Amino acid sequence: MPESHSASPAFLFLLAFMGAVVAVKHGDWNNLHPLAMDNIAMKTTIIAVLVYIKVVMIHEKFINDIGDHYLIISYNIRFLSGTLAVTTMSLILIEPFGWLLLIIWTMWLVKVVFNLHEPFHNIDQLIQFVQQHGNQYLPI
């Protein structure tokens, strides 16, 4: 895991650069602009950046109070939201390359989700966990 808990300057620079390139690509702001022409991709980019920034803020504020499992989850959310923002910007700039990146991002998402639930891959381990800890969660 990386030691830095703040927003990556390289990520922010790359996102700003890609935003400037999108502005140049859609130079005629009177007729077409990115929010009208690439509506879904731009909204996804904005939401992904907001999620990235919010996770960084939460991570910085609660770094000493959260456990290792939540640190892994926050790093994964930060990585996935950051790469989604870059991927959707690539989808606007170079559509075929953007689609390739989106497919790779989706496969990475499946891998991350699969690895987060690794203790539950073995059904015998899951049954044993429920038998040992299940009674404390039942409202009886």
Protein backbone atom coordinates (compact mmCIF):
# COMPACT_ATOMS: atom_id res chain seq x y z
CA MET A 1 0.00 0.00 0.00
CA PRO A 2 1.24 3.50 -0.70
CA GLU A 3 2.34 5.63 2.22
CA SER A 4 0.83 8.88 0.94
CA HIS A 5 -2.72 9.61 2.01
CA SER A 6 -3.21 12.80 0.03
CA ALA A 7 -4.37 13.21 -3.53
CA SER A 8 -1.74 12.21 -6.05
CA PRO A 9 -0.27 15.27 -7.80
CA ALA A 10 0.41 13.16 -10.90
CA PHE A 11 -3.25 12.11 -11.05
CA LEU A 12 -4.47 15.66 -10.61
CA PHE A 13 -2.04 16.92 -13.29
CA LEU A 14 -3.11 14.17 -15.71
CA LEU A 15 -6.78 14.95 -15.10
CA ALA A 16 -6.22 18.70 -15.59
CA PHE A 17 -4.24 18.05 -18.77
CA MET A 18 -6.95 15.75 -20.15
CA GLY A 19 -9.59 18.33 -19.24
CA ALA A 20 -7.66 20.97 -21.17
CA VAL A 21 -7.38 18.64 -24.17
CA VAL A 22 -11.14 18.02 -24.03
CA ALA A 23 -11.68 21.79 -24.01
CA VAL A 24 -9.44 22.14 -27.07
CA LYS A 25 -11.18 19.23 -28.81
CA HIS A 26 -14.54 20.92 -28.27
CA GLY A 27 -13.23 24.39 -29.14
CA ASP A 28 -16.50 25.80 -30.47
CA TRP A 29 -18.22 26.40 -27.14
CA ASN A 30 -21.15 28.20 -28.75
CA ASN A 31 -22.47 25.12 -30.58
CA LEU A 32 -21.14 22.01 -28.90
CA HIS A 33 -19.48 21.50 -25.58
CA PRO A 34 -18.38 18.35 -23.72
CA LEU A 35 -21.30 18.27 -21.30
CA ALA A 36 -23.78 18.21 -24.19
CA MET A 37 -21.86 16.05 -26.64
CA ASP A 38 -20.37 13.52 -24.20
CA ASN A 39 -22.96 13.83 -21.47
CA ILE A 40 -22.61 10.44 -19.76
CA ALA A 41 -18.80 10.33 -19.94
CA MET A 42 -18.43 13.85 -18.53
CA LYS A 43 -20.87 13.22 -15.69
CA THR A 44 -19.11 9.94 -14.88
CA THR A 45 -15.76 11.74 -14.85
CA ILE A 46 -17.06 14.44 -12.52
CA ILE A 47 -18.62 11.90 -10.14
CA ALA A 48 -15.46 9.74 -10.16
CA VAL A 49 -13.30 12.77 -9.32
CA LEU A 50 -15.66 13.78 -6.51
CA VAL A 51 -15.57 10.23 -5.10
CA TYR A 52 -11.78 10.22 -5.35
CA ILE A 53 -11.45 13.54 -3.51
CA LYS A 54 -14.00 12.54 -0.84
CA VAL A 55 -12.21 9.23 -0.16
CA VAL A 56 -8.91 11.10 0.17
CA MET A 57 -10.53 13.52 2.63
CA ILE A 58 -12.06 10.71 4.71
CA HIS A 59 -8.81 8.78 4.58
CA GLU A 60 -6.80 11.77 5.85
CA LYS A 61 -9.26 12.52 8.63
CA PHE A 62 -9.72 8.98 9.98
CA ILE A 63 -6.36 7.33 9.14
CA ASN A 64 -5.62 6.55 12.80
CA ASP A 65 -9.12 5.30 13.62
CA ILE A 66 -9.78 2.80 10.84
CA GLY A 67 -8.59 -0.79 10.59
CA ASP A 68 -6.50 -2.46 7.93
CA HIS A 69 -9.51 -3.91 6.11
CA TYR A 70 -11.04 -0.46 5.70
CA LEU A 71 -7.70 0.95 4.56
CA ILE A 72 -7.60 -1.64 1.78
CA ILE A 73 -11.16 -0.76 0.80
CA SER A 74 -10.40 2.97 0.76
CA TYR A 75 -7.27 2.44 -1.36
CA ASN A 76 -9.28 0.32 -3.79
CA ILE A 77 -12.09 2.89 -4.05
CA ARG A 78 -9.53 5.64 -4.55
CA PHE A 79 -7.71 3.67 -7.24
CA LEU A 80 -10.89 2.64 -9.05
CA SER A 81 -12.46 6.10 -9.00
CA GLY A 82 -9.23 7.73 -10.16
CA THR A 83 -8.73 5.31 -13.01
CA LEU A 84 -12.41 5.59 -13.96
CA ALA A 85 -12.02 9.37 -14.28
CA VAL A 86 -9.00 8.96 -16.56
CA THR A 87 -10.74 6.18 -18.51
CA THR A 88 -13.85 8.23 -19.20
CA MET A 89 -11.73 11.20 -20.26
CA SER A 90 -9.90 8.83 -22.63
CA LEU A 91 -13.28 7.69 -23.92
CA ILE A 92 -14.05 11.28 -24.87
CA LEU A 93 -10.66 11.99 -26.42
CA ILE A 94 -9.83 8.76 -28.27
CA GLU A 95 -12.96 6.63 -28.37
CA PRO A 96 -11.51 3.21 -29.41
CA PHE A 97 -8.68 3.49 -26.86
CA GLY A 98 -11.19 4.66 -24.24
CA TRP A 99 -13.37 1.60 -24.81
CA LEU A 100 -10.32 -0.64 -24.41
CA LEU A 101 -9.45 1.10 -21.15
CA LEU A 102 -13.07 0.78 -19.98
CA ILE A 103 -13.01 -2.98 -20.61
CA ILE A 104 -9.72 -3.28 -18.71
CA TRP A 105 -11.14 -1.13 -15.89
CA THR A 106 -14.23 -3.36 -15.67
CA MET A 107 -12.07 -6.49 -15.44
CA TRP A 108 -9.99 -4.83 -12.72
CA LEU A 109 -13.20 -3.91 -10.85
CA VAL A 110 -14.31 -7.54 -10.88
CA LYS A 111 -10.88 -8.64 -9.62
CA VAL A 112 -10.91 -6.10 -6.78
CA VAL A 113 -14.43 -7.04 -5.69
CA PHE A 114 -13.58 -10.73 -5.88
CA ASN A 115 -10.44 -10.24 -3.75
CA LEU A 116 -12.24 -8.16 -1.11
CA HIS A 117 -14.52 -11.08 -0.35
CA GLU A 118 -11.75 -13.68 -0.33
CA PRO A 119 -12.67 -15.16 3.07
CA PHE A 120 -16.06 -16.09 1.65
CA HIS A 121 -14.77 -17.97 -1.41
CA ASN A 122 -14.55 -21.21 0.53
CA ILE A 123 -18.07 -22.35 1.46
CA ASP A 124 -16.79 -24.50 4.34
CA GLN A 125 -15.00 -21.50 5.83
CA LEU A 126 -18.17 -19.42 5.45
CA ILE A 127 -20.29 -22.06 7.20
CA GLN A 128 -17.74 -22.30 10.02
CA PHE A 129 -17.71 -18.49 10.39
CA VAL A 130 -21.52 -18.35 10.58
CA GLN A 131 -21.60 -21.16 13.13
CA GLN A 132 -19.03 -19.45 15.35
CA HIS A 133 -20.19 -15.85 15.04
CA GLY A 134 -23.77 -16.14 13.85
CA ASN A 135 -25.40 -16.21 17.27
CA GLN A 136 -24.02 -12.82 18.31
CA TYR A 137 -25.70 -11.14 15.34
CA LEU A 138 -29.10 -12.79 15.73
CA PRO A 139 -31.74 -10.69 17.52
CA ILE A 140 -32.69 -13.49 19.91
